[in-house]
Amino acid sequence: MKEVSLRSCNSYDYEEVKLQIDKLVNDLGGLDKYIKYGSTVFIKLNLVIKKKPEEVATTHPIVLKAIANKLLELGCKVIVGDSPGGPYTKSSLKGIYKTCGIEEVCNELNIQLNYDTSELKVENPSGIVLKYMTVIKPIVDVDYVINLCKLKTHAMATFTGGVKNLFGVIPGVLKAEYHFKMPEVRDFTDALIDICLFVSPTITIMDGIIGMEGEGPTSGTPRKIGVLLASSNPYAIDVIACKLINLEPGRVPTVQRCIERKFINEDFSDIHVIGEEIENKIIKDFKIPSNRSISFLRGIVPKKIELFVNKKLSGKPVINFKDCIKCGECSRVCPPKVISMKENGPVIDLDHCIRCFCCHELCPRKAVDLKRPFIFKFLR
């Protein structure tokens, strides 16, 4: 049985967060059940973009502080980091750590922020899509990884939580290459499962105190959920998080891949919630991105026709020139390089756009909107 601990937490007041983190860990049997005294632990955050904590796109620093203190009590050496979108350089990391409030916490606790930007090619025999991959080296050099993620919606993947957060071990701009090589959601989400298998996080803790609804993971709207979650199983924690926001887990591509690969049961009967009851915490009107896959053509028409129709029916990125500051970030992060900078701003070649929505995700001013066909209103 895969256990997921659920605890209420209504604010980012440190004492409240610390209390609930203690309860989460105790529910799972105690931190020393999973992590040996004096070991080296990498806390993998969600730092997708340079955003302040109140914008809820990134892991909140108070949640980091609470779990880091528990590791210090266990005599652990703690390393904190991520490989956000964009360049994986010391200067870019420093700016993100500072803006996201992570630097301040690490300085206060005297724990190590990762600035090692070296990469390592690794073998992944359990992978399906990624038998070999390149990861950030610090993730390999430690004894344990704690996956500290955020509960958010995602424009392409529908939901981002424990599994999707580990895409951040792929170094910087190499993420764009993975998107380009795997433009289909099925292949890309299988790759996400492969990455999760390789990292094999010891514990996943999800910040759902204030999550994000709508067009996440960076341009959505903050929404109070009032929970913290923890599990030794990243696949199970995503299922329970989906249920909390009234999202059918089977709609989420990463969950679909987990079921297909028999990591979780199709009816989720192997997942058990402990700590508190889930029923009275479900948010019925949580806004989910309308990106349901148009898959009814699979196996009926030739592959080329299926891809053509799916592309026409999928959402498309559109520049909101009112908010655009012409910084060129969308052009720099575009995997297929189909965004060009003109005098009036960015121009997207939609005929060759792969709908990865990196431009939407990494725009610093939320100036890339996602326009979806009218038919999606009937497919939710």
Protein backbone atom coordinates (compact mmCIF):
# COMPACT_ATOMS: atom_id res chain seq x y z
CA MET A 1 0.00 0.00 0.00
CA LYS A 2 1.31 3.44 -0.99
CA GLU A 3 0.73 5.95 1.80
CA VAL A 4 0.23 9.68 1.31
CA SER A 5 0.12 11.88 4.39
CA LEU A 6 -2.24 14.86 4.27
CA ARG A 7 -2.21 17.68 6.80
CA SER A 8 -4.01 21.02 6.95
CA CYS A 9 -1.85 24.15 6.84
CA ASN A 10 -3.53 27.50 6.35
CA SER A 11 -0.62 29.93 6.19
CA TYR A 12 3.12 30.28 5.66
CA ASP A 13 3.67 31.16 9.30
CA TYR A 14 6.83 29.24 10.16
CA GLU A 15 5.56 27.70 13.40
CA GLU A 16 2.43 26.38 11.72
CA VAL A 17 4.36 24.99 8.75
CA LYS A 18 6.95 23.39 11.05
CA LEU A 19 4.20 21.74 13.13
CA GLN A 20 2.49 20.27 10.08
CA ILE A 21 5.77 19.12 8.51
CA ASP A 22 6.53 17.32 11.78
CA LYS A 23 3.13 15.61 11.58
CA LEU A 24 3.65 14.63 7.94
CA VAL A 25 7.01 13.05 8.65
CA ASN A 26 5.72 11.27 11.75
CA ASP A 27 2.76 9.91 9.78
CA LEU A 28 5.26 8.25 7.44
CA GLY A 29 7.23 6.72 10.30
CA GLY A 30 9.77 9.44 11.04
CA LEU A 31 12.54 10.98 8.96
CA ASP A 32 15.15 8.55 10.29
CA LYS A 33 13.18 5.71 8.72
CA TYR A 34 14.28 7.02 5.32
CA ILE A 35 17.46 9.04 5.89
CA LYS A 36 20.53 7.99 7.87
CA TYR A 37 22.11 10.29 10.43
CA GLY A 38 24.93 12.41 9.02
CA SER A 39 24.15 11.76 5.36
CA THR A 40 24.16 14.27 2.49
CA VAL A 41 20.72 15.31 1.21
CA PHE A 42 19.82 17.33 -1.88
CA ILE A 43 16.52 19.24 -1.56
CA LYS A 44 15.22 19.59 -5.10
CA LEU A 45 12.96 22.66 -5.28
CA ASN A 46 10.59 23.94 -7.94
CA LEU A 47 12.26 27.15 -9.13
CA VAL A 48 10.93 27.24 -12.66
CA ILE A 49 11.34 31.00 -13.08
CA LYS A 50 12.45 34.12 -11.20
CA LYS A 51 9.30 34.84 -9.19
CA LYS A 52 8.66 36.13 -5.69
CA PRO A 53 7.15 33.63 -3.20
CA GLU A 54 3.76 35.40 -3.20
CA GLU A 55 3.41 34.70 -6.93
CA VAL A 56 3.18 30.97 -6.00
CA ALA A 57 5.06 29.73 -9.07
CA THR A 58 7.90 28.34 -6.94
CA THR A 59 8.49 26.37 -3.75
CA HIS A 60 7.83 28.62 -0.78
CA PRO A 61 10.98 29.30 1.29
CA ILE A 62 9.19 28.68 4.60
CA VAL A 63 8.43 25.09 3.59
CA LEU A 64 12.10 24.68 2.69
CA LYS A 65 13.10 26.09 6.08
CA ALA A 66 10.89 23.63 7.96
CA ILE A 67 12.17 20.48 6.24
CA ALA A 68 15.79 21.69 6.18
CA ASN A 69 15.71 22.20 9.94
CA LYS A 70 14.54 18.62 10.42
CA LEU A 71 17.44 17.38 8.32
CA LEU A 72 19.88 19.47 10.33
CA GLU A 73 18.51 17.91 13.51
CA LEU A 74 19.41 14.57 11.93
CA GLY A 75 23.00 15.75 11.46
CA CYS A 76 22.67 15.89 7.68
CA LYS A 77 24.61 18.01 5.24
CA VAL A 78 21.92 19.85 3.26
CA ILE A 79 22.30 21.06 -0.33
CA VAL A 80 19.49 23.08 -1.91
CA GLY A 81 18.98 23.66 -5.61
CA ASP A 82 17.25 23.26 -8.94
CA SER A 83 17.95 23.76 -12.62
CA PRO A 84 15.29 26.30 -13.63
CA GLY A 85 14.18 27.14 -17.16
CA GLY A 86 16.75 29.07 -19.19
CA PRO A 87 20.55 29.06 -18.82
CA TYR A 88 22.03 26.90 -16.08
CA THR A 89 24.75 29.28 -14.92
CA LYS A 90 25.96 30.53 -11.56
CA SER A 91 24.72 34.06 -12.25
CA SER A 92 21.24 32.93 -13.31
CA LEU A 93 20.97 30.63 -10.28
CA LYS A 94 21.98 33.44 -7.94
CA GLY A 95 19.26 35.74 -9.30
CA ILE A 96 16.59 33.07 -8.98
CA TYR A 97 17.65 31.95 -5.48
CA LYS A 98 17.53 35.57 -4.30
CA THR A 99 14.19 36.52 -5.89
CA CYS A 100 12.46 33.31 -4.80
CA GLY A 101 13.47 33.86 -1.17
CA ILE A 102 15.65 30.74 -1.08
CA GLU A 103 18.96 32.52 -0.57
CA GLU A 104 17.75 34.20 2.61
CA VAL A 105 16.66 30.90 4.19
CA CYS A 106 19.89 29.12 3.27
CA ASN A 107 21.97 31.94 4.71
CA GLU A 108 19.90 31.89 7.90
CA LEU A 109 20.33 28.13 8.36
CA ASN A 110 23.91 28.08 7.04
CA ILE A 111 23.10 25.40 4.47
CA GLN A 112 24.58 25.05 1.02
CA LEU A 113 23.01 26.55 -2.10
CA ASN A 114 24.04 24.62 -5.19
CA TYR A 115 26.17 26.56 -7.69
CA ASP A 116 27.80 23.51 -9.25
CA THR A 117 26.59 23.73 -12.87
CA SER A 118 28.45 20.64 -14.12
CA GLU A 119 26.52 17.94 -15.97
CA LEU A 120 26.77 14.17 -16.10
CA LYS A 121 25.56 11.66 -18.67
CA VAL A 122 23.97 8.72 -16.89
CA GLU A 123 22.56 5.34 -17.81
CA ASN A 124 18.91 4.71 -17.00
CA PRO A 125 18.20 1.01 -17.65
CA SER A 126 14.66 1.21 -16.26
CA GLY A 127 13.73 3.99 -18.69
CA ILE A 128 11.53 3.53 -21.74
CA VAL A 129 12.22 6.75 -23.66
CA LEU A 130 15.39 7.84 -21.86
CA LYS A 131 17.82 4.95 -21.53
CA TYR A 132 20.56 7.55 -21.25
CA MET A 133 20.21 11.17 -20.19
CA THR A 134 22.17 14.16 -18.97
CA VAL A 135 21.49 15.41 -15.46
CA ILE A 136 22.89 18.02 -13.10
CA LYS A 137 25.86 16.44 -11.34
CA PRO A 138 24.95 17.39 -7.73
CA ILE A 139 21.87 15.16 -7.89
CA VAL A 140 24.15 12.14 -8.37
CA ASP A 141 26.71 13.04 -5.73
CA VAL A 142 24.38 12.88 -2.70
CA ASP A 143 22.97 10.09 -0.55
CA TYR A 144 19.31 11.13 -0.74
CA VAL A 145 17.03 13.45 -2.69
CA ILE A 146 14.01 15.17 -1.16
CA ASN A 147 11.56 16.32 -3.82
CA LEU A 148 10.02 19.59 -2.58
CA CYS A 149 7.38 20.49 -5.14
CA LYS A 150 4.44 22.85 -5.61
CA LEU A 151 0.78 21.98 -6.29
CA LYS A 152 -0.03 23.71 -9.58
CA THR A 153 -1.84 23.25 -12.85
CA HIS A 154 0.19 23.05 -16.05
CA ALA A 155 -0.80 24.27 -19.52
CA MET A 156 0.77 21.32 -21.33
CA ALA A 157 0.85 18.53 -18.74
CA THR A 158 -2.47 19.53 -17.01
CA PHE A 159 -0.92 19.16 -13.56
CA THR A 160 2.57 19.54 -12.11
CA GLY A 161 3.53 18.00 -8.81
CA GLY A 162 5.99 15.35 -7.68
CA VAL A 163 6.81 13.67 -10.98
CA LYS A 164 6.94 16.78 -13.19
CA ASN A 165 9.11 18.66 -10.68
CA LEU A 166 11.98 16.26 -11.32
CA PHE A 167 12.30 17.50 -14.91
CA GLY A 168 14.39 20.16 -13.16
CA VAL A 169 17.34 17.75 -12.87
CA ILE A 170 17.80 18.13 -16.64
CA PRO A 171 20.28 21.00 -17.03
CA GLY A 172 18.98 24.41 -18.17
CA VAL A 173 18.49 24.79 -21.91
CA LEU A 174 18.80 21.03 -22.46
CA LYS A 175 15.17 20.87 -21.35
CA ALA A 176 14.26 22.67 -24.58
CA GLU A 177 16.04 19.97 -26.57
CA TYR A 178 14.00 17.28 -24.79
CA HIS A 179 10.81 19.16 -25.64
CA PHE A 180 11.89 19.42 -29.27
CA LYS A 181 12.80 15.74 -29.58
CA MET A 182 9.55 14.65 -27.88
CA PRO A 183 6.81 17.04 -29.06
CA GLU A 184 4.04 14.50 -28.41
CA VAL A 185 2.67 14.58 -24.87
CA ARG A 186 2.78 10.77 -24.58
CA ASP A 187 6.50 10.54 -25.31
CA PHE A 188 7.34 13.56 -23.19
CA THR A 189 5.43 12.32 -20.15
CA ASP A 190 7.01 8.88 -20.50
CA ALA A 191 10.34 10.70 -20.38
CA LEU A 192 9.22 12.43 -17.17
CA ILE A 193 8.51 9.04 -15.62
CA ASP A 194 11.95 7.84 -16.75
CA ILE A 195 13.58 10.82 -15.03
CA CYS A 196 11.61 10.19 -11.85
CA LEU A 197 12.72 6.56 -11.88
CA PHE A 198 16.34 7.58 -12.13
CA VAL A 199 16.21 10.22 -9.39
CA SER A 200 14.10 7.99 -7.14
CA PRO A 201 13.36 10.67 -4.53
CA THR A 202 13.43 9.41 -0.95
CA ILE A 203 10.49 11.58 0.12
CA THR A 204 8.26 13.93 -1.87
CA ILE A 205 6.74 16.87 0.01
CA MET A 206 4.17 19.01 -1.78
CA ASP A 207 3.40 22.62 -0.93
CA GLY A 208 -0.34 23.01 -1.37
CA ILE A 209 -0.87 25.80 1.13
CA ILE A 210 -1.44 28.21 -1.72
CA GLY A 211 -1.34 26.55 -5.11
CA MET A 212 -1.95 27.74 -8.64
CA GLU A 213 -5.02 27.22 -10.81
CA GLY A 214 -5.72 28.09 -14.44
CA GLU A 215 -2.87 28.49 -16.90
CA GLY A 216 -0.01 27.26 -14.70
CA PRO A 217 2.77 26.62 -13.96
CA THR A 218 3.73 30.33 -13.94
CA SER A 219 0.87 32.35 -15.44
CA GLY A 220 -2.05 30.98 -13.47
CA THR A 221 -3.87 32.40 -10.46
CA PRO A 222 -2.99 31.80 -6.79
CA ARG A 223 -5.58 29.65 -5.02
CA LYS A 224 -5.62 28.70 -1.37
CA ILE A 225 -5.80 24.94 -0.89
CA GLY A 226 -4.59 24.84 2.71
CA VAL A 227 -2.69 21.54 2.74
CA LEU A 228 0.72 19.94 2.85
CA LEU A 229 1.30 16.45 1.47
CA ALA A 230 4.11 13.93 1.86
CA SER A 231 4.86 10.45 0.55
CA SER A 232 7.74 8.15 -0.26
CA ASN A 233 5.97 7.54 -3.57
CA PRO A 234 5.90 10.48 -6.03
CA TYR A 235 3.32 8.80 -8.26
CA ALA A 236 0.83 8.33 -5.42
CA ILE A 237 1.19 11.89 -4.10
CA ASP A 238 0.26 13.28 -7.52
CA VAL A 239 -2.93 11.20 -7.58
CA ILE A 240 -4.06 12.51 -4.19
CA ALA A 241 -3.16 16.10 -5.12
CA CYS A 242 -5.29 15.80 -8.26
CA LYS A 243 -8.23 14.59 -6.20
CA LEU A 244 -7.84 17.58 -3.88
CA ILE A 245 -8.38 19.99 -6.77
CA ASN A 246 -11.24 17.91 -8.22
CA LEU A 247 -9.14 16.88 -11.21
CA GLU A 248 -9.74 13.31 -12.37
CA PRO A 249 -6.23 11.80 -12.06
CA GLY A 250 -6.77 9.78 -15.22
CA ARG A 251 -6.86 13.04 -17.19
CA VAL A 252 -3.24 13.76 -16.27
CA PRO A 253 -0.75 12.36 -18.80
CA THR A 254 1.92 11.50 -16.21
CA VAL A 255 -0.67 9.57 -14.18
CA GLN A 256 -1.77 7.78 -17.36
CA ARG A 257 1.82 6.68 -17.98
CA CYS A 258 2.14 5.47 -14.36
CA ILE A 259 -0.96 3.32 -14.76
CA GLU A 260 0.26 1.92 -18.09
CA ARG A 261 3.60 1.04 -16.53
CA LYS A 262 1.82 -0.51 -13.52
CA PHE A 263 3.39 1.78 -10.94
CA ILE A 264 -0.10 2.46 -9.57
CA ASN A 265 -3.44 0.68 -9.96
CA GLU A 266 -5.91 2.04 -12.50
CA ASP A 267 -8.55 2.45 -9.77
CA PHE A 268 -5.95 3.85 -7.30
CA SER A 269 -6.96 1.19 -4.76
CA ASP A 270 -3.31 0.81 -3.77
CA ILE A 271 -3.08 4.43 -2.52
CA HIS A 272 -4.06 5.21 1.06
CA VAL A 273 -4.40 8.67 2.62
CA ILE A 274 -3.21 8.99 6.21
CA GLY A 275 -3.11 11.92 8.64
CA GLU A 276 -6.38 13.65 7.81
CA GLU A 277 -9.43 12.82 5.71
CA ILE A 278 -9.40 14.13 2.14
CA GLU A 279 -13.16 14.39 1.53
CA ASN A 280 -13.85 17.74 3.18
CA LYS A 281 -10.75 19.37 1.64
CA ILE A 282 -11.63 18.89 -2.03
CA ILE A 283 -12.02 22.15 -3.96
CA LYS A 284 -14.86 21.57 -6.39
CA ASP A 285 -14.36 24.67 -8.57
CA PHE A 286 -10.58 24.60 -9.05
CA LYS A 287 -9.77 25.90 -12.54
CA ILE A 288 -8.07 23.27 -14.70
CA PRO A 289 -6.40 24.06 -18.08
CA SER A 290 -8.56 23.03 -21.03
CA ASN A 291 -5.94 20.94 -22.76
CA ARG A 292 -7.60 17.59 -22.88
CA SER A 293 -5.99 15.46 -25.54
CA ILE A 294 -7.93 14.89 -28.77
CA SER A 295 -7.10 11.20 -28.97
CA PHE A 296 -10.17 9.74 -30.65
CA LEU A 297 -8.31 9.53 -33.99
CA ARG A 298 -5.53 7.27 -32.72
CA GLY A 299 -5.48 4.03 -34.65
CA ILE A 300 -8.30 5.18 -36.96
CA VAL A 301 -6.47 7.47 -39.37
CA PRO A 302 -2.83 7.59 -40.54
CA LYS A 303 -0.39 9.05 -38.04
CA LYS A 304 0.28 12.16 -40.13
CA ILE A 305 -3.41 13.02 -40.26
CA GLU A 306 -3.80 12.39 -36.52
CA LEU A 307 -0.92 14.74 -35.74
CA PHE A 308 -2.27 17.39 -38.13
CA VAL A 309 -5.76 17.34 -36.59
CA ASN A 310 -4.43 17.26 -33.03
CA LYS A 311 -2.24 20.27 -33.75
CA LYS A 312 -5.11 22.24 -35.25
CA LEU A 313 -7.31 21.45 -32.27
CA SER A 314 -4.68 22.13 -29.61
CA GLY A 315 -4.09 25.47 -27.95
CA LYS A 316 -1.71 27.98 -29.45
CA PRO A 317 0.52 30.63 -27.88
CA VAL A 318 -0.43 34.23 -28.69
CA ILE A 319 1.61 37.29 -27.74
CA ASN A 320 -0.19 39.88 -25.61
CA PHE A 321 1.61 42.96 -26.92
CA LYS A 322 0.05 45.15 -24.23
CA ASP A 323 2.11 43.36 -21.58
CA CYS A 324 5.10 42.36 -23.71
CA ILE A 325 8.34 44.23 -22.96
CA LYS A 326 10.22 42.77 -25.99
CA CYS A 327 12.85 41.13 -23.77
CA GLY A 328 13.25 38.23 -26.21
CA GLU A 329 13.07 35.52 -23.53
CA CYS A 330 10.34 33.65 -25.44
CA SER A 331 12.59 33.49 -28.50
CA ARG A 332 15.58 32.29 -26.49
CA VAL A 333 13.73 29.44 -24.74
CA CYS A 334 11.73 28.21 -27.76
CA PRO A 335 12.84 24.59 -28.43
CA PRO A 336 12.14 24.56 -32.22
CA LYS A 337 13.33 28.18 -32.60
CA VAL A 338 10.14 29.39 -34.28
CA ILE A 339 9.83 32.71 -32.41
CA SER A 340 11.60 35.63 -34.04
CA MET A 341 12.03 39.11 -32.61
CA LYS A 342 10.71 41.89 -34.86
CA GLU A 343 10.45 45.64 -34.37
CA ASN A 344 6.95 45.34 -32.87
CA GLY A 345 7.81 42.33 -30.71
CA PRO A 346 7.89 38.52 -31.00
CA VAL A 347 6.38 36.71 -33.98
CA ILE A 348 5.49 33.00 -33.63
CA ASP A 349 5.55 30.66 -36.63
CA LEU A 350 2.55 28.58 -35.55
CA ASP A 351 2.92 26.15 -38.47
CA HIS A 352 6.13 24.87 -36.90
CA CYS A 353 5.26 25.44 -33.23
CA ILE A 354 5.33 22.15 -31.25
CA ARG A 355 2.92 23.40 -28.52
CA CYS A 356 5.34 22.81 -25.66
CA PHE A 357 4.31 26.23 -24.24
CA CYS A 358 7.81 27.02 -22.96
CA CYS A 359 7.25 30.62 -24.11
CA HIS A 360 4.12 30.82 -21.95
CA GLU A 361 5.81 29.16 -18.99
CA LEU A 362 8.97 31.26 -18.96
CA CYS A 363 7.70 34.71 -19.96
CA PRO A 364 8.65 37.05 -17.08
CA ARG A 365 5.60 39.30 -17.69
CA LYS A 366 2.88 36.70 -18.43
CA ALA A 367 2.64 38.22 -21.91
CA VAL A 368 2.06 34.91 -23.74
CA ASP A 369 -1.59 33.85 -23.68
CA LEU A 370 -2.89 30.43 -24.62
CA LYS A 371 -5.81 30.45 -27.03
CA ARG A 372 -7.80 27.24 -27.22
CA PRO A 373 -10.47 26.20 -29.73
CA PHE A 374 -14.10 26.62 -28.77
CA ILE A 375 -14.56 22.82 -28.91
CA PHE A 376 -12.56 22.40 -25.68
CA LYS A 377 -15.44 23.90 -23.70
CA PHE A 378 -17.35 20.68 -24.46
CA LEU A 379 -14.45 18.31 -23.78
CA ARG A 380 -13.68 19.12 -20.17
